[in-house]
């Protein structure tokens, strides 16, 4: 193949939609797994045994107001 890939040269801190710089809003924990519906009513806290927490860095674009989630870096 000839030519360079635009994807390889993209700024990792740039918004995918408009190209502006994304600002970090911090790292939040999101609930994953567990149960849905009426199981919580039937089994109470036992219904949440399979639930876990997933840490994601939230980044926002101040120009187009889009939000992006990323796996946080080891230091963050």
PDB file of N, CA and C in Angstrom:
ATOM      1  N   UNK A   1       0.838  -1.186   0.000  1.00  0.00           N
ATOM      2  CA  UNK A   1       0.000   0.000   0.000  1.00  0.00           C
ATOM      3  C   UNK A   1       0.879   1.244   0.000  1.00  0.00           C
ATOM      4  N   UNK A   2       0.433   2.245  -0.680  1.00  0.00           N
ATOM      5  CA  UNK A   2       1.166   3.499  -0.690  1.00  0.00           C
ATOM      6  C   UNK A   2       0.349   4.565   0.008  1.00  0.00           C
ATOM      7  N   UNK A   3       1.009   5.595   0.486  1.00  0.00           N
ATOM      8  CA  UNK A   3       0.303   6.677   1.187  1.00  0.00           C
ATOM      9  C   UNK A   3       0.221   6.386   2.661  1.00  0.00           C
ATOM     10  N   UNK A   4      -0.010   7.419   3.425  1.00  0.00           N
ATOM     11  CA  UNK A   4      -0.108   7.253   4.873  1.00  0.00           C
ATOM     12  C   UNK A   4      -1.571   7.237   5.291  1.00  0.00           C
ATOM     13  N   UNK A   5      -1.821   6.580   6.388  1.00  0.00           N
ATOM     14  CA  UNK A   5      -3.176   6.470   6.915  1.00  0.00           C
ATOM     15  C   UNK A   5      -3.506   7.698   7.759  1.00  0.00           C
ATOM     16  N   UNK A   6      -4.632   8.330   7.491  1.00  0.00           N
ATOM     17  CA  UNK A   6      -5.055   9.481   8.291  1.00  0.00           C
ATOM     18  C   UNK A   6      -5.361   9.073   9.721  1.00  0.00           C
ATOM     19  N   UNK A   7      -5.841   7.846   9.905  1.00  0.00           N
ATOM     20  CA  UNK A   7      -6.206   7.367  11.235  1.00  0.00           C
ATOM     21  C   UNK A   7      -4.978   7.297  12.140  1.00  0.00           C
ATOM     22  N   UNK A   8      -3.833   6.904  11.605  1.00  0.00           N
ATOM     23  CA  UNK A   8      -2.623   6.782  12.398  1.00  0.00           C
ATOM     24  C   UNK A   8      -2.063   8.126  12.829  1.00  0.00           C
ATOM     25  N   UNK A   9      -2.423   9.202  12.153  1.00  0.00           N
ATOM     26  CA  UNK A   9      -1.882  10.511  12.459  1.00  0.00           C
ATOM     27  C   UNK A   9      -2.876  11.411  13.180  1.00  0.00           C
ATOM     28  N   UNK A  10      -4.040  10.897  13.532  1.00  0.00           N
ATOM     29  CA  UNK A  10      -5.067  11.688  14.202  1.00  0.00           C
ATOM     30  C   UNK A  10      -4.656  11.998  15.637  1.00  0.00           C
ATOM     31  N   UNK A  11      -4.965  13.211  16.097  1.00  0.00           N
ATOM     32  CA  UNK A  11      -4.703  13.612  17.477  1.00  0.00           C
ATOM     33  C   UNK A  11      -5.659  12.848  18.390  1.00  0.00           C
ATOM     34  N   UNK A  12      -5.135  12.109  19.352  1.00  0.00           N
ATOM     35  CA  UNK A  12      -5.974  11.288  20.223  1.00  0.00           C
ATOM     36  C   UNK A  12      -6.844  12.122  21.157  1.00  0.00           C
ATOM     37  N   UNK A  13      -6.505  13.389  21.353  1.00  0.00           N
ATOM     38  CA  UNK A  13      -7.310  14.262  22.201  1.00  0.00           C
ATOM     39  C   UNK A  13      -8.284  15.115  21.399  1.00  0.00           C
ATOM     40  N   UNK A  14      -8.427  14.835  20.100  1.00  0.00           N
ATOM     41  CA  UNK A  14      -9.341  15.604  19.263  1.00  0.00           C
ATOM     42  C   UNK A  14     -10.700  14.918  19.192  1.00  0.00           C
ATOM     43  N   UNK A  15     -11.745  15.719  19.137  1.00  0.00           N
ATOM     44  CA  UNK A  15     -13.110  15.210  18.993  1.00  0.00           C
ATOM     45  C   UNK A  15     -13.230  14.505  17.640  1.00  0.00           C
ATOM     46  N   UNK A  16     -13.869  13.353  17.629  1.00  0.00           N
ATOM     47  CA  UNK A  16     -14.050  12.601  16.389  1.00  0.00           C
ATOM     48  C   UNK A  16     -15.006  13.292  15.427  1.00  0.00           C
ATOM     49  N   UNK A  17     -15.857  14.177  15.935  1.00  0.00           N
ATOM     50  CA  UNK A  17     -16.876  14.810  15.101  1.00  0.00           C
ATOM     51  C   UNK A  17     -16.420  16.133  14.507  1.00  0.00           C
ATOM     52  N   UNK A  18     -15.864  17.025  15.353  1.00  0.00           N
ATOM     53  CA  UNK A  18     -15.532  18.377  14.871  1.00  0.00           C
ATOM     54  C   UNK A  18     -14.043  18.685  14.908  1.00  0.00           C
ATOM     55  N   UNK A  19     -13.239  17.854  15.588  1.00  0.00           N
ATOM     56  CA  UNK A  19     -11.802  18.059  15.629  1.00  0.00           C
ATOM     57  C   UNK A  19     -11.309  18.946  16.759  1.00  0.00           C
ATOM     58  N   UNK A  20     -12.197  19.537  17.554  1.00  0.00           N
ATOM     59  CA  UNK A  20     -11.783  20.358  18.697  1.00  0.00           C
ATOM     60  C   UNK A  20     -11.173  19.481  19.782  1.00  0.00           C
ATOM     61  N   UNK A  21     -10.505  20.093  20.726  1.00  0.00           N
ATOM     62  CA  UNK A  21      -9.866  19.350  21.807  1.00  0.00           C
ATOM     63  C   UNK A  21     -10.901  18.876  22.826  1.00  0.00           C
ATOM     64  N   UNK A  22     -10.816  17.599  23.196  1.00  0.00           N
ATOM     65  CA  UNK A  22     -11.690  17.038  24.221  1.00  0.00           C
ATOM     66  C   UNK A  22     -11.140  17.377  25.597  1.00  0.00           C
ATOM     67  N   UNK A  23     -12.018  17.725  26.513  1.00  0.00           N
ATOM     68  CA  UNK A  23     -11.629  18.035  27.886  1.00  0.00           C
ATOM     69  C   UNK A  23     -12.062  16.890  28.800  1.00  0.00           C
ATOM     70  N   UNK A  24     -11.165  16.468  29.678  1.00  0.00           N
ATOM     71  CA  UNK A  24     -11.485  15.386  30.607  1.00  0.00           C
ATOM     72  C   UNK A  24     -12.414  15.902  31.699  1.00  0.00           C
ATOM     73  N   UNK A  25     -13.472  15.160  31.958  1.00  0.00           N
ATOM     74  CA  UNK A  25     -14.420  15.494  33.006  1.00  0.00           C
ATOM     75  C   UNK A  25     -14.169  14.621  34.240  1.00  0.00           C
ATOM     76  N   UNK A  26     -13.108  13.809  34.186  1.00  0.00           N
ATOM     77  CA  UNK A  26     -12.771  12.938  35.299  1.00  0.00           C
ATOM     78  C   UNK A  26     -13.125  11.486  35.021  1.00  0.00           C
ATOM     79  N   UNK A  27     -12.877  10.647  35.999  1.00  0.00           N
ATOM     80  CA  UNK A  27     -13.157   9.217  35.907  1.00  0.00           C
ATOM     81  C   UNK A  27     -14.375   8.914  36.767  1.00  0.00           C
ATOM     82  N   UNK A  28     -15.361   8.250  36.165  1.00  0.00           N
ATOM     83  CA  UNK A  28     -16.570   7.853  36.889  1.00  0.00           C
ATOM     84  C   UNK A  28     -16.708   6.344  36.838  1.00  0.00           C
ATOM     85  N   UNK A  29     -17.444   5.801  37.800  1.00  0.00           N
ATOM     86  CA  UNK A  29     -17.728   4.370  37.821  1.00  0.00           C
ATOM     87  C   UNK A  29     -19.149   4.132  37.339  1.00  0.00           C
ATOM     88  N   UNK A  30     -19.302   3.181  36.424  1.00  0.00           N
ATOM     89  CA  UNK A  30     -20.603   2.840  35.862  1.00  0.00           C
ATOM     90  C   UNK A  30     -20.949   1.402  36.235  1.00  0.00           C
ATOM     91  N   UNK A  31     -22.213   1.186  36.589  1.00  0.00           N
ATOM     92  CA  UNK A  31     -22.676  -0.150  36.954  1.00  0.00           C
ATOM     93  C   UNK A  31     -22.871  -0.992  35.701  1.00  0.00           C
ATOM     94  N   UNK A  32     -22.368  -2.206  35.740  1.00  0.00           N
ATOM     95  CA  UNK A  32     -22.548  -3.154  34.642  1.00  0.00           C
ATOM     96  C   UNK A  32     -22.979  -4.494  35.226  1.00  0.00           C
ATOM     97  N   UNK A  33     -23.736  -5.242  34.451  1.00  0.00           N
ATOM     98  CA  UNK A  33     -24.204  -6.550  34.906  1.00  0.00           C
ATOM     99  C   UNK A  33     -25.428  -6.406  35.790  1.00  0.00           C
ATOM    100  N   UNK A  34     -25.572  -7.322  36.727  1.00  0.00           N
ATOM    101  CA  UNK A  34     -26.738  -7.277  37.608  1.00  0.00           C
ATOM    102  C   UNK A  34     -27.990  -7.751  36.899  1.00  0.00           C
ATOM    103  N   UNK A  35     -29.126  -7.326  37.372  1.00  0.00           N
ATOM    104  CA  UNK A  35     -30.398  -7.766  36.809  1.00  0.00           C
ATOM    105  C   UNK A  35     -31.255  -6.573  36.428  1.00  0.00           C
ATOM    106  N   UNK A  36     -32.291  -6.848  35.663  1.00  0.00           N
ATOM    107  CA  UNK A  36     -33.228  -5.811  35.242  1.00  0.00           C
ATOM    108  C   UNK A  36     -34.653  -6.239  35.574  1.00  0.00           C
ATOM    109  N   UNK A  37     -35.550  -5.307  35.450  1.00  0.00           N
ATOM    110  CA  UNK A  37     -36.961  -5.625  35.632  1.00  0.00           C
ATOM    111  C   UNK A  37     -37.347  -5.864  37.077  1.00  0.00           C
ATOM    112  N   UNK A  38     -38.268  -6.797  37.280  1.00  0.00           N
ATOM    113  CA  UNK A  38     -38.830  -7.064  38.593  1.00  0.00           C
ATOM    114  C   UNK A  38     -37.983  -7.953  39.479  1.00  0.00           C
ATOM    115  N   UNK A  39     -36.843  -8.425  38.993  1.00  0.00           N
ATOM    116  CA  UNK A  39     -36.013  -9.294  39.808  1.00  0.00           C
ATOM    117  C   UNK A  39     -35.552  -8.603  41.084  1.00  0.00           C
ATOM    118  N   UNK A  40     -35.297  -7.316  41.015  1.00  0.00           N
ATOM    119  CA  UNK A  40     -34.865  -6.557  42.205  1.00  0.00           C
ATOM    120  C   UNK A  40     -35.978  -6.580  43.266  1.00  0.00           C
ATOM    121  N   UNK A  41     -37.226  -6.473  42.827  1.00  0.00           N
ATOM    122  CA  UNK A  41     -38.346  -6.530  43.768  1.00  0.00           C
ATOM    123  C   UNK A  41     -38.470  -7.899  44.414  1.00  0.00           C
ATOM    124  N   UNK A  42     -38.231  -8.943  43.631  1.00  0.00           N
ATOM    125  CA  UNK A  42     -38.377 -10.302  44.147  1.00  0.00           C
ATOM    126  C   UNK A  42     -37.221 -10.738  45.042  1.00  0.00           C
ATOM    127  N   UNK A  43     -35.998 -10.397  44.627  1.00  0.00           N
ATOM    128  CA  UNK A  43     -34.826 -10.916  45.325  1.00  0.00           C
ATOM    129  C   UNK A  43     -34.036  -9.871  46.091  1.00  0.00           C
ATOM    130  N   UNK A  44     -34.422  -8.612  46.016  1.00  0.00           N
ATOM    131  CA  UNK A  44     -33.727  -7.563  46.754  1.00  0.00           C
ATOM    132  C   UNK A  44     -32.272  -7.444  46.333  1.00  0.00           C
ATOM    133  N   UNK A  45     -31.395  -7.293  47.310  1.00  0.00           N
ATOM    134  CA  UNK A  45     -29.969  -7.116  47.027  1.00  0.00           C
ATOM    135  C   UNK A  45     -29.329  -8.369  46.425  1.00  0.00           C
ATOM    136  N   UNK A  46     -29.929  -9.528  46.613  1.00  0.00           N
ATOM    137  CA  UNK A  46     -29.386 -10.754  46.023  1.00  0.00           C
ATOM    138  C   UNK A  46     -29.403 -10.683  44.499  1.00  0.00           C
ATOM    139  N   UNK A  47     -30.298  -9.894  43.945  1.00  0.00           N
ATOM    140  CA  UNK A  47     -30.393  -9.766  42.493  1.00  0.00           C
ATOM    141  C   UNK A  47     -29.197  -9.022  41.912  1.00  0.00           C
ATOM    142  N   UNK A  48     -28.439  -8.327  42.746  1.00  0.00           N
ATOM    143  CA  UNK A  48     -27.312  -7.527  42.270  1.00  0.00           C
ATOM    144  C   UNK A  48     -25.962  -8.216  42.453  1.00  0.00           C
ATOM    145  N   UNK A  49     -25.954  -9.504  42.734  1.00  0.00           N
ATOM    146  CA  UNK A  49     -24.693 -10.202  42.968  1.00  0.00           C
ATOM    147  C   UNK A  49     -23.789 -10.194  41.743  1.00  0.00           C
ATOM    148  N   UNK A  50     -24.355 -10.220  40.549  1.00  0.00           N
ATOM    149  CA  UNK A  50     -23.553 -10.231  39.334  1.00  0.00           C
ATOM    150  C   UNK A  50     -23.148  -8.849  38.857  1.00  0.00           C
ATOM    151  N   UNK A  51     -23.467  -7.832  39.624  1.00  0.00           N
ATOM    152  CA  UNK A  51     -23.184  -6.469  39.211  1.00  0.00           C
ATOM    153  C   UNK A  51     -21.731  -6.102  39.505  1.00  0.00           C
ATOM    154  N   UNK A  52     -21.166  -5.322  38.620  1.00  0.00           N
ATOM    155  CA  UNK A  52     -19.806  -4.848  38.823  1.00  0.00           C
ATOM    156  C   UNK A  52     -19.719  -3.368  38.501  1.00  0.00           C
ATOM    157  N   UNK A  53     -18.571  -2.784  38.778  1.00  0.00           N
ATOM    158  CA  UNK A  53     -18.339  -1.376  38.477  1.00  0.00           C
ATOM    159  C   UNK A  53     -17.241  -1.285  37.432  1.00  0.00           C
ATOM    160  N   UNK A  54     -17.458  -0.437  36.438  1.00  0.00           N
ATOM    161  CA  UNK A  54     -16.507  -0.235  35.359  1.00  0.00           C
ATOM    162  C   UNK A  54     -16.064   1.225  35.385  1.00  0.00           C
ATOM    163  N   UNK A  55     -14.757   1.455  35.542  1.00  0.00           N
ATOM    164  CA  UNK A  55     -14.232   2.823  35.564  1.00  0.00           C
ATOM    165  C   UNK A  55     -13.994   3.286  34.126  1.00  0.00           C
ATOM    166  N   UNK A  56     -14.538   4.455  33.803  1.00  0.00           N
ATOM    167  CA  UNK A  56     -14.349   5.058  32.487  1.00  0.00           C
ATOM    168  C   UNK A  56     -14.044   6.539  32.634  1.00  0.00           C
ATOM    169  N   UNK A  57     -13.138   7.025  31.811  1.00  0.00           N
ATOM    170  CA  UNK A  57     -12.856   8.458  31.771  1.00  0.00           C
ATOM    171  C   UNK A  57     -13.880   9.115  30.855  1.00  0.00           C
ATOM    172  N   UNK A  58     -14.507  10.167  31.324  1.00  0.00           N
ATOM    173  CA  UNK A  58     -15.495  10.905  30.547  1.00  0.00           C
ATOM    174  C   UNK A  58     -14.802  12.126  29.951  1.00  0.00           C
ATOM    175  N   UNK A  59     -14.879  12.273  28.626  1.00  0.00           N
ATOM    176  CA  UNK A  59     -14.272  13.408  27.938  1.00  0.00           C
ATOM    177  C   UNK A  59     -15.360  14.102  27.137  1.00  0.00           C
ATOM    178  N   UNK A  60     -15.365  15.439  27.145  1.00  0.00           N
ATOM    179  CA  UNK A  60     -16.416  16.207  26.485  1.00  0.00           C
ATOM    180  C   UNK A  60     -15.813  17.245  25.546  1.00  0.00           C
ATOM    181  N   UNK A  61     -16.529  17.513  24.467  1.00  0.00           N
ATOM    182  CA  UNK A  61     -16.130  18.537  23.515  1.00  0.00           C
ATOM    183  C   UNK A  61     -16.923  19.803  23.823  1.00  0.00           C
ATOM    184  N   UNK A  62     -16.211  20.901  24.057  1.00  0.00           N
ATOM    185  CA  UNK A  62     -16.896  22.154  24.372  1.00  0.00           C
ATOM    186  C   UNK A  62     -17.475  22.813  23.131  1.00  0.00           C
ATOM    187  N   UNK A  63     -17.067  22.362  21.947  1.00  0.00           N
ATOM    188  CA  UNK A  63     -17.551  22.941  20.703  1.00  0.00           C
ATOM    189  C   UNK A  63     -18.880  22.309  20.261  1.00  0.00           C
ATOM    190  N   UNK A  64     -18.894  20.985  20.067  1.00  0.00           N
ATOM    191  CA  UNK A  64     -20.116  20.322  19.577  1.00  0.00           C
ATOM    192  C   UNK A  64     -20.879  19.600  20.685  1.00  0.00           C
ATOM    193  N   UNK A  65     -20.343  19.618  21.916  1.00  0.00           N
ATOM    194  CA  UNK A  65     -21.002  19.095  23.114  1.00  0.00           C
ATOM    195  C   UNK A  65     -21.210  17.577  23.090  1.00  0.00           C
ATOM    196  N   UNK A  66     -20.389  16.858  22.349  1.00  0.00           N
ATOM    197  CA  UNK A  66     -20.449  15.406  22.343  1.00  0.00           C
ATOM    198  C   UNK A  66     -19.616  14.865  23.501  1.00  0.00           C
ATOM    199  N   UNK A  67     -19.984  13.680  23.984  1.00  0.00           N
ATOM    200  CA  UNK A  67     -19.286  13.050  25.099  1.00  0.00           C
ATOM    201  C   UNK A  67     -18.675  11.743  24.614  1.00  0.00           C
ATOM    202  N   UNK A  68     -17.489  11.445  25.120  1.00  0.00           N
ATOM    203  CA  UNK A  68     -16.781  10.232  24.737  1.00  0.00           C
ATOM    204  C   UNK A  68     -16.307   9.536  26.008  1.00  0.00           C
ATOM    205  N   UNK A  69     -16.348   8.220  26.018  1.00  0.00           N
ATOM    206  CA  UNK A  69     -15.863   7.434  27.150  1.00  0.00           C
ATOM    207  C   UNK A  69     -14.587   6.724  26.740  1.00  0.00           C
ATOM    208  N   UNK A  70     -13.610   6.680  27.653  1.00  0.00           N
ATOM    209  CA  UNK A  70     -12.356   5.986  27.400  1.00  0.00           C
ATOM    210  C   UNK A  70     -11.948   5.199  28.634  1.00  0.00           C
ATOM    211  N   UNK A  71     -11.187   4.152  28.414  1.00  0.00           N
ATOM    212  CA  UNK A  71     -10.602   3.414  29.529  1.00  0.00           C
ATOM    213  C   UNK A  71      -9.548   4.339  30.140  1.00  0.00           C
ATOM    214  N   UNK A  72      -9.594   4.573  31.452  1.00  0.00           N
ATOM    215  CA  UNK A  72      -8.614   5.478  32.065  1.00  0.00           C
ATOM    216  C   UNK A  72      -7.193   4.929  31.982  1.00  0.00           C
ATOM    217  N   UNK A  73      -6.236   5.836  31.940  1.00  0.00           N
ATOM    218  CA  UNK A  73      -4.838   5.415  31.924  1.00  0.00           C
ATOM    219  C   UNK A  73      -4.477   4.815  33.274  1.00  0.00           C
ATOM    220  N   UNK A  74      -3.393   4.081  33.324  1.00  0.00           N
ATOM    221  CA  UNK A  74      -2.974   3.416  34.558  1.00  0.00           C
ATOM    222  C   UNK A  74      -2.754   4.387  35.697  1.00  0.00           C
ATOM    223  N   UNK A  75      -2.257   5.586  35.392  1.00  0.00           N
ATOM    224  CA  UNK A  75      -1.986   6.559  36.433  1.00  0.00           C
ATOM    225  C   UNK A  75      -3.236   7.302  36.903  1.00  0.00           C
ATOM    226  N   UNK A  76      -4.352   7.225  36.143  1.00  0.00           N
ATOM    227  CA  UNK A  76      -5.528   8.010  36.456  1.00  0.00           C
ATOM    228  C   UNK A  76      -6.554   7.370  37.230  1.00  0.00           C
TER     229      UNK A  76
END
